[in-house]
């Protein structure tokens, strides 16, 4: 079933290339002319994660801890998560470093698939799964939305931006778009990055993370129920 879904996804994006309107920045609700929808990537060496589904938040947290066995993170503590991503162009893809929760980080390679706006990344750790990401929506200025098809059949989505926050208008547009794709609006997480950049707070949370966020439960048993 996963194989069929990925092939349908790829074919649908070929169709979108031909029929969807394109904005002045080169983007509509579909694939664009560069991986992230912001024109020249060198203008934005760092992106921040500003919205995502609960499922993707769970998996991002697991990836940063390099384990599926991670305590739930209280919503209040997400103010200190400060998820960021730097990237470097490489042959056939992009090298990424993702950081969050103070000093946690992961490196990954995102490979081109041959289809514009469609990318693949490998597992972050041995018990993790790979995924396929499609560029689904971007205004070419403040955000890009990627829809994620994990190899275990679970769908999710994530929004990155060159800014720590996006406007209420952007949040509304993204929310309506993911709802139109069949995702549950109750599972939308808008990141509160208001504490990001406060190094003293981050250092304090960094210590807290190291001492109290040790894996002690058997994975994420509700993973699939959070996908939509």
Protein backbone atom coordinates (compact mmCIF):
# COMPACT_ATOMS: atom_id res chain seq x y z
CA UNK A 1 0.00 0.00 0.00
CA UNK A 2 2.90 2.38 0.80
CA UNK A 3 4.48 1.74 -2.60
CA UNK A 4 1.22 2.52 -4.35
CA UNK A 5 0.73 5.73 -2.36
CA UNK A 6 4.22 7.01 -3.17
CA UNK A 7 3.75 6.35 -6.87
CA UNK A 8 0.39 8.11 -6.86
CA UNK A 9 2.04 11.04 -5.06
CA UNK A 10 4.78 11.28 -7.68
CA UNK A 11 2.37 11.10 -10.61
CA UNK A 12 0.08 13.70 -9.05
CA UNK A 13 2.95 16.16 -8.81
CA UNK A 14 3.78 15.72 -12.48
CA UNK A 15 0.17 16.65 -13.21
CA UNK A 16 0.37 19.62 -10.84
CA UNK A 17 3.40 20.93 -12.71
CA UNK A 18 1.27 21.31 -15.81
CA UNK A 19 -1.99 22.67 -14.39
CA UNK A 20 -1.34 24.77 -11.28
CA UNK A 21 -0.86 28.55 -11.39
CA UNK A 22 2.58 29.90 -10.57
CA UNK A 23 3.24 33.05 -8.54
CA UNK A 24 5.83 35.71 -9.33
CA UNK A 25 8.18 33.96 -6.92
CA UNK A 26 7.81 30.78 -8.94
CA UNK A 27 5.43 28.96 -6.63
CA UNK A 28 1.77 28.08 -6.34
CA UNK A 29 0.18 25.18 -4.52
CA UNK A 30 2.60 22.70 -5.98
CA UNK A 31 6.27 22.15 -6.88
CA UNK A 32 8.54 25.08 -7.52
CA UNK A 33 11.86 25.85 -9.09
CA UNK A 34 14.10 25.26 -6.06
CA UNK A 35 13.89 22.94 -3.05
CA UNK A 36 12.46 25.33 -0.48
CA UNK A 37 10.45 27.98 -2.26
CA UNK A 38 12.53 31.01 -1.37
CA UNK A 39 14.46 31.61 -4.58
CA UNK A 40 18.21 31.65 -4.01
CA UNK A 41 18.89 29.46 -0.98
CA UNK A 42 22.05 31.38 -0.11
CA UNK A 43 19.81 34.26 0.95
CA UNK A 44 18.42 32.08 3.76
CA UNK A 45 21.16 29.93 5.31
CA UNK A 46 18.91 28.93 8.22
CA UNK A 47 15.25 27.95 8.49
CA UNK A 48 13.02 27.56 11.54
CA UNK A 49 10.14 25.14 12.02
CA UNK A 50 7.05 27.24 12.78
CA UNK A 51 4.12 24.82 12.33
CA UNK A 52 3.69 21.07 12.06
CA UNK A 53 1.34 18.20 12.75
CA UNK A 54 1.48 16.47 16.13
CA UNK A 55 2.75 13.38 14.36
CA UNK A 56 5.68 15.23 12.84
CA UNK A 57 6.44 16.91 16.17
CA UNK A 58 6.59 13.46 17.78
CA UNK A 59 8.94 12.14 15.12
CA UNK A 60 11.14 15.24 15.12
CA UNK A 61 11.52 14.90 18.89
CA UNK A 62 12.39 11.21 18.49
CA UNK A 63 14.91 12.02 15.77
CA UNK A 64 16.66 14.64 17.87
CA UNK A 65 16.89 12.14 20.76
CA UNK A 66 17.93 9.39 18.30
CA UNK A 67 15.37 7.09 19.89
CA UNK A 68 11.67 6.24 19.63
CA UNK A 69 11.57 6.02 23.43
CA UNK A 70 11.16 9.63 24.51
CA UNK A 71 9.06 11.17 27.26
CA UNK A 72 6.19 13.38 26.07
CA UNK A 73 7.26 17.03 25.96
CA UNK A 74 4.89 19.39 27.87
CA UNK A 75 3.44 22.06 25.58
CA UNK A 76 4.85 24.79 27.81
CA UNK A 77 8.35 23.42 27.25
CA UNK A 78 7.98 23.69 23.48
CA UNK A 79 8.68 27.42 23.89
CA UNK A 80 12.27 26.34 24.40
CA UNK A 81 12.44 23.82 21.56
CA UNK A 82 13.62 26.37 18.96
CA UNK A 83 13.80 23.96 16.03
CA UNK A 84 16.17 25.23 13.33
CA UNK A 85 17.72 23.79 10.20
CA UNK A 86 20.82 24.78 8.25
CA UNK A 87 21.55 23.34 4.84
CA UNK A 88 24.34 22.97 2.32
CA UNK A 89 23.87 22.05 -1.33
CA UNK A 90 25.46 18.70 -2.19
CA UNK A 91 25.49 16.50 -5.30
CA UNK A 92 21.99 15.05 -5.83
CA UNK A 93 20.57 16.62 -2.69
CA UNK A 94 21.11 18.75 0.40
CA UNK A 95 22.98 18.22 3.67
CA UNK A 96 20.99 19.35 6.70
CA UNK A 97 21.73 19.93 10.36
CA UNK A 98 18.62 20.18 12.53
CA UNK A 99 18.85 21.50 16.10
CA UNK A 100 16.38 21.77 18.96
CA UNK A 101 15.86 21.45 22.73
CA UNK A 102 19.12 23.21 23.53
CA UNK A 103 22.09 21.12 22.42
CA UNK A 104 20.32 18.29 20.57
CA UNK A 105 21.08 17.96 16.87
CA UNK A 106 20.94 15.57 13.94
CA UNK A 107 22.51 15.46 10.50
CA UNK A 108 20.68 14.12 7.50
CA UNK A 109 20.93 13.99 3.74
CA UNK A 110 17.84 14.89 1.73
CA UNK A 111 18.03 13.36 -1.73
CA UNK A 112 16.47 14.60 -4.94
CA UNK A 113 14.02 12.15 -6.51
CA UNK A 114 13.99 13.46 -10.06
CA UNK A 115 10.56 15.04 -9.53
CA UNK A 116 10.47 18.80 -8.74
CA UNK A 117 9.41 19.46 -5.16
CA UNK A 118 9.75 15.81 -4.15
CA UNK A 119 12.54 14.66 -1.81
CA UNK A 120 13.60 11.60 0.16
CA UNK A 121 15.45 11.28 3.45
CA UNK A 122 17.00 8.24 5.11
CA UNK A 123 16.26 6.95 8.64
CA UNK A 124 17.76 9.04 11.44
CA UNK A 125 18.63 6.02 13.61
CA UNK A 126 18.38 2.22 13.20
CA UNK A 127 14.78 1.77 14.41
CA UNK A 128 13.49 4.84 12.59
CA UNK A 129 11.90 4.89 9.11
CA UNK A 130 12.70 6.83 5.96
CA UNK A 131 10.25 9.22 4.37
CA UNK A 132 9.24 11.02 1.21
CA UNK A 133 8.55 14.77 1.39
CA UNK A 134 6.62 16.79 -1.17
CA UNK A 135 6.56 20.58 -1.38
CA UNK A 136 2.85 21.31 -1.11
CA UNK A 137 2.45 25.06 -0.49
CA UNK A 138 4.69 28.13 -0.41
CA UNK A 139 4.29 31.86 -0.82
CA UNK A 140 7.96 32.16 -1.76
CA UNK A 141 8.50 34.73 0.99
CA UNK A 142 7.73 33.59 4.53
CA UNK A 143 6.98 29.84 4.55
CA UNK A 144 7.10 26.50 2.79
CA UNK A 145 4.88 23.55 3.71
CA UNK A 146 6.13 20.01 3.18
CA UNK A 147 3.84 16.96 3.30
CA UNK A 148 5.61 13.89 4.65
CA UNK A 149 4.85 10.28 3.70
CA UNK A 150 6.71 8.05 6.17
CA UNK A 151 7.63 4.58 4.99
CA UNK A 152 5.44 3.00 7.66
CA UNK A 153 2.41 4.52 5.92
CA UNK A 154 1.84 7.46 8.28
CA UNK A 155 1.27 10.94 6.88
CA UNK A 156 2.42 14.20 8.47
CA UNK A 157 3.43 17.75 7.54
CA UNK A 158 5.84 20.51 8.58
CA UNK A 159 6.32 24.22 7.80
CA UNK A 160 9.67 26.00 7.70
CA UNK A 161 10.40 29.71 7.48
CA UNK A 162 13.41 32.02 7.41
CA UNK A 163 11.71 33.77 10.35
CA UNK A 164 10.96 32.54 13.86
CA UNK A 165 7.25 33.19 13.35
CA UNK A 166 4.73 33.72 10.56
CA UNK A 167 1.64 35.92 10.30
CA UNK A 168 -1.89 34.98 11.31
CA UNK A 169 -2.80 35.13 7.61
CA UNK A 170 -0.11 32.56 6.80
CA UNK A 171 -1.23 30.34 9.68
CA UNK A 172 -4.82 30.47 8.43
CA UNK A 173 -3.81 29.67 4.83
CA UNK A 174 -1.68 26.73 5.95
CA UNK A 175 -4.41 25.41 8.26
CA UNK A 176 -6.97 25.49 5.47
CA UNK A 177 -4.57 23.83 3.06
CA UNK A 178 -3.68 20.91 5.34
CA UNK A 179 -7.38 20.44 6.13
CA UNK A 180 -8.07 20.22 2.38
CA UNK A 181 -5.46 17.45 2.20
CA UNK A 182 -7.37 15.44 4.81
CA UNK A 183 -5.32 16.21 7.91
CA UNK A 184 -7.10 16.76 11.22
CA UNK A 185 -7.04 20.43 12.23
CA UNK A 186 -7.08 19.39 15.90
CA UNK A 187 -3.55 18.06 15.37
CA UNK A 188 -2.09 21.37 14.19
CA UNK A 189 0.80 22.68 16.31
CA UNK A 190 1.82 26.33 15.93
CA UNK A 191 5.25 26.65 17.50
CA UNK A 192 5.72 29.39 20.09
CA UNK A 193 9.27 30.52 19.31
CA UNK A 194 9.04 33.64 21.49
CA UNK A 195 11.83 32.38 23.76
CA UNK A 196 14.20 31.52 20.95
CA UNK A 197 17.37 33.55 20.92
CA UNK A 198 17.41 33.98 24.70
CA UNK A 199 20.66 32.14 25.36
CA UNK A 200 20.29 32.11 29.14
CA UNK A 201 16.89 30.44 28.91
CA UNK A 202 18.20 27.97 26.33
CA UNK A 203 21.19 27.08 28.51
CA UNK A 204 18.88 26.46 31.46
CA UNK A 205 16.56 24.28 29.39
CA UNK A 206 19.55 22.49 27.90
CA UNK A 207 20.55 21.30 31.39
CA UNK A 208 16.97 20.30 32.11
CA UNK A 209 16.79 18.32 28.89
CA UNK A 210 19.96 16.41 29.62
CA UNK A 211 18.97 15.45 33.16
CA UNK A 212 15.27 14.74 32.83
CA UNK A 213 14.46 13.76 29.25
CA UNK A 214 15.94 10.29 29.25
CA UNK A 215 13.99 7.65 27.25
CA UNK A 216 11.92 5.48 29.56
CA UNK A 217 8.85 4.30 27.67
CA UNK A 218 8.19 1.87 24.86
CA UNK A 219 7.95 4.12 21.86
CA UNK A 220 4.97 5.98 20.51
CA UNK A 221 1.99 3.64 20.61
CA UNK A 222 -0.45 6.26 19.28
CA UNK A 223 1.65 7.26 16.28
CA UNK A 224 -0.84 6.38 13.56
CA UNK A 225 -3.81 7.97 15.31
CA UNK A 226 -2.01 11.33 15.30
CA UNK A 227 -1.31 11.39 11.57
CA UNK A 228 -4.46 13.18 10.53
